[in-house]
């Protein structure tokens, strides 16, 4: 009788563990994560507000979110690249770990500026984009690295 009770106890524990794991797999995607997934316009104001690049956010299974993207200048060698992992997503932004490289002919002596580490992208007043929070470059200028919801949002006039 004791072994049957132990069997029931262990079976119930294993069953509960299985149910818990299954429910985690079937939980609907967090709306903030879902909002980030996919390919969206990417821009650095020094390069262009008319010719956007693209950033793609993906997830493989239940693994971390990955982001990769670039914007290239037209008729010059300016560029922006982003490559890394999104560690946390909230209503007000996300935490990124990886590399962001900007190269603009009239900034930093025309040399690439590499940011490596943990950075934050903020989302302000549902304005349709996430912006790099740590935006100061080596010359003390501000780099607006923006990831937009859509091309329509990217081309919309700024809010007053």
Protein backbone atom coordinates (compact mmCIF):
# COMPACT_ATOMS: atom_id res chain seq x y z
CA UNK A 1 0.00 0.00 0.00
CA UNK A 2 2.85 2.40 0.85
CA UNK A 3 4.52 1.73 -2.48
CA UNK A 4 1.21 2.35 -4.32
CA UNK A 5 0.81 5.68 -2.46
CA UNK A 6 4.42 6.57 -3.33
CA UNK A 7 3.71 5.64 -6.96
CA UNK A 8 0.66 7.93 -7.03
CA UNK A 9 2.60 10.74 -5.41
CA UNK A 10 5.49 10.46 -7.89
CA UNK A 11 3.14 10.04 -10.86
CA UNK A 12 1.22 13.14 -9.83
CA UNK A 13 4.44 15.13 -9.44
CA UNK A 14 5.66 14.07 -12.87
CA UNK A 15 2.26 14.75 -14.40
CA UNK A 16 2.13 18.22 -12.83
CA UNK A 17 5.65 18.92 -14.10
CA UNK A 18 4.62 17.86 -17.60
CA UNK A 19 1.46 19.98 -17.53
CA UNK A 20 3.45 22.99 -16.34
CA UNK A 21 5.98 22.62 -19.17
CA UNK A 22 3.25 22.14 -21.76
CA UNK A 23 1.40 25.24 -20.61
CA UNK A 24 4.60 27.30 -20.93
CA UNK A 25 4.96 26.16 -24.53
CA UNK A 26 1.39 27.09 -25.40
CA UNK A 27 1.27 30.49 -23.66
CA UNK A 28 0.46 33.22 -26.20
CA UNK A 29 3.39 35.42 -27.25
CA UNK A 30 3.95 38.51 -25.11
CA UNK A 31 2.48 41.44 -27.10
CA UNK A 32 5.66 43.50 -26.65
CA UNK A 33 7.76 40.66 -28.08
CA UNK A 34 5.30 40.12 -30.92
CA UNK A 35 5.54 43.83 -31.73
CA UNK A 36 9.32 43.50 -32.21
CA UNK A 37 9.39 40.31 -34.29
CA UNK A 38 9.86 40.66 -38.03
CA UNK A 39 11.63 43.06 -40.37
CA UNK A 40 11.26 46.79 -39.85
CA UNK A 41 12.89 50.05 -40.97
CA UNK A 42 16.19 51.02 -39.33
CA UNK A 43 17.74 54.49 -39.49
CA UNK A 44 20.60 56.65 -38.29
CA UNK A 45 19.75 60.31 -38.86
CA UNK A 46 23.25 61.12 -40.22
CA UNK A 47 22.77 58.61 -43.06
CA UNK A 48 19.22 59.29 -44.27
CA UNK A 49 15.61 59.78 -43.25
CA UNK A 50 14.54 58.82 -46.78
CA UNK A 51 16.53 55.65 -47.52
CA UNK A 52 15.96 53.33 -44.59
CA UNK A 53 17.80 50.16 -43.80
CA UNK A 54 16.23 47.05 -42.31
CA UNK A 55 16.47 45.35 -38.94
CA UNK A 56 15.13 41.83 -38.52
CA UNK A 57 14.18 40.40 -35.14
CA UNK A 58 13.84 36.61 -34.99
CA UNK A 59 13.40 33.89 -32.42
CA UNK A 60 14.36 30.25 -32.83
CA UNK A 61 11.98 28.14 -30.76
CA UNK A 62 11.94 29.36 -27.18
CA UNK A 63 15.45 30.81 -27.48
CA UNK A 64 16.39 34.48 -27.17
CA UNK A 65 15.37 37.15 -29.63
CA UNK A 66 18.09 37.99 -32.18
CA UNK A 67 18.39 41.26 -34.06
CA UNK A 68 20.43 41.94 -37.18
CA UNK A 69 20.27 44.90 -39.46
CA UNK A 70 21.98 47.56 -41.51
CA UNK A 71 21.47 50.87 -43.24
CA UNK A 72 23.78 51.94 -46.07
CA UNK A 73 24.29 55.47 -47.34
CA UNK A 74 23.43 56.20 -50.97
CA UNK A 75 26.42 57.47 -52.96
CA UNK A 76 28.79 57.29 -49.98
CA UNK A 77 30.36 54.80 -47.59
CA UNK A 78 28.28 55.67 -44.51
CA UNK A 79 26.60 52.79 -42.69
CA UNK A 80 24.92 51.54 -39.54
CA UNK A 81 24.94 47.89 -38.44
CA UNK A 82 23.34 46.19 -35.47
CA UNK A 83 23.86 42.57 -34.42
CA UNK A 84 23.03 40.92 -31.13
CA UNK A 85 20.53 39.52 -28.68
CA UNK A 86 17.52 41.17 -27.09
CA UNK A 87 17.69 40.24 -23.41
CA UNK A 88 14.54 41.88 -22.04
CA UNK A 89 11.43 43.46 -23.53
CA UNK A 90 9.07 45.77 -21.66
CA UNK A 91 6.33 48.24 -22.58
CA UNK A 92 8.90 51.04 -22.53
CA UNK A 93 11.65 49.41 -24.58
CA UNK A 94 14.15 46.60 -24.72
CA UNK A 95 17.64 45.70 -23.55
CA UNK A 96 20.09 44.75 -26.30
CA UNK A 97 23.43 42.99 -25.97
CA UNK A 98 25.70 43.01 -28.96
CA UNK A 99 27.38 45.37 -31.41
CA UNK A 100 26.24 48.60 -33.05
CA UNK A 101 28.62 50.17 -35.58
CA UNK A 102 28.14 53.59 -37.14
CA UNK A 103 30.35 55.07 -39.85
CA UNK A 104 29.58 58.57 -41.06
CA UNK A 105 32.00 60.63 -43.17
CA UNK A 106 31.64 63.78 -41.04
CA UNK A 107 31.67 62.11 -37.59
CA UNK A 108 34.59 60.51 -35.74
CA UNK A 109 37.00 61.48 -38.53
CA UNK A 110 35.07 59.25 -40.93
CA UNK A 111 36.13 56.18 -38.95
CA UNK A 112 33.69 53.54 -37.69
CA UNK A 113 32.49 53.93 -34.11
CA UNK A 114 31.75 50.59 -32.45
CA UNK A 115 29.51 50.18 -29.44
CA UNK A 116 29.85 46.72 -27.84
CA UNK A 117 27.98 45.61 -24.76
CA UNK A 118 24.57 46.13 -23.22
CA UNK A 119 22.43 49.00 -24.52
CA UNK A 120 18.84 50.10 -24.19
CA UNK A 121 16.25 51.08 -26.76
CA UNK A 122 13.39 53.18 -25.43
CA UNK A 123 9.87 53.49 -26.72
CA UNK A 124 8.41 56.91 -26.03
CA UNK A 125 4.70 57.73 -25.88
CA UNK A 126 3.82 55.09 -28.48
CA UNK A 127 5.51 57.18 -31.18
CA UNK A 128 6.05 54.18 -33.46
CA UNK A 129 9.74 53.52 -32.91
CA UNK A 130 12.40 52.38 -30.46
CA UNK A 131 15.43 54.68 -30.03
CA UNK A 132 18.90 53.90 -28.70
CA UNK A 133 19.11 55.50 -25.25
CA UNK A 134 22.94 55.66 -25.02
CA UNK A 135 23.15 57.88 -28.08
CA UNK A 136 26.26 60.03 -27.57
CA UNK A 137 29.10 59.33 -30.01
CA UNK A 138 32.84 60.02 -29.41
CA UNK A 139 32.56 63.62 -30.62
CA UNK A 140 29.70 64.33 -28.23
CA UNK A 141 27.10 64.36 -31.00
CA UNK A 142 23.85 62.46 -30.71
CA UNK A 143 23.27 59.35 -32.85
CA UNK A 144 19.56 58.67 -33.32
CA UNK A 145 19.55 54.92 -33.96
CA UNK A 146 15.87 54.19 -34.55
CA UNK A 147 13.95 50.98 -35.24
CA UNK A 148 10.49 51.76 -36.58
CA UNK A 149 7.20 49.84 -36.44
CA UNK A 150 6.67 50.27 -40.19
CA UNK A 151 7.72 52.32 -43.19
CA UNK A 152 4.60 54.48 -42.76
CA UNK A 153 5.65 55.28 -39.18
CA UNK A 154 9.22 56.00 -40.31
CA UNK A 155 8.08 58.49 -42.95
CA UNK A 156 5.47 60.19 -40.75
CA UNK A 157 6.14 63.82 -39.78
CA UNK A 158 7.56 64.26 -36.28
CA UNK A 159 5.18 64.93 -33.40
CA UNK A 160 5.22 68.45 -32.02
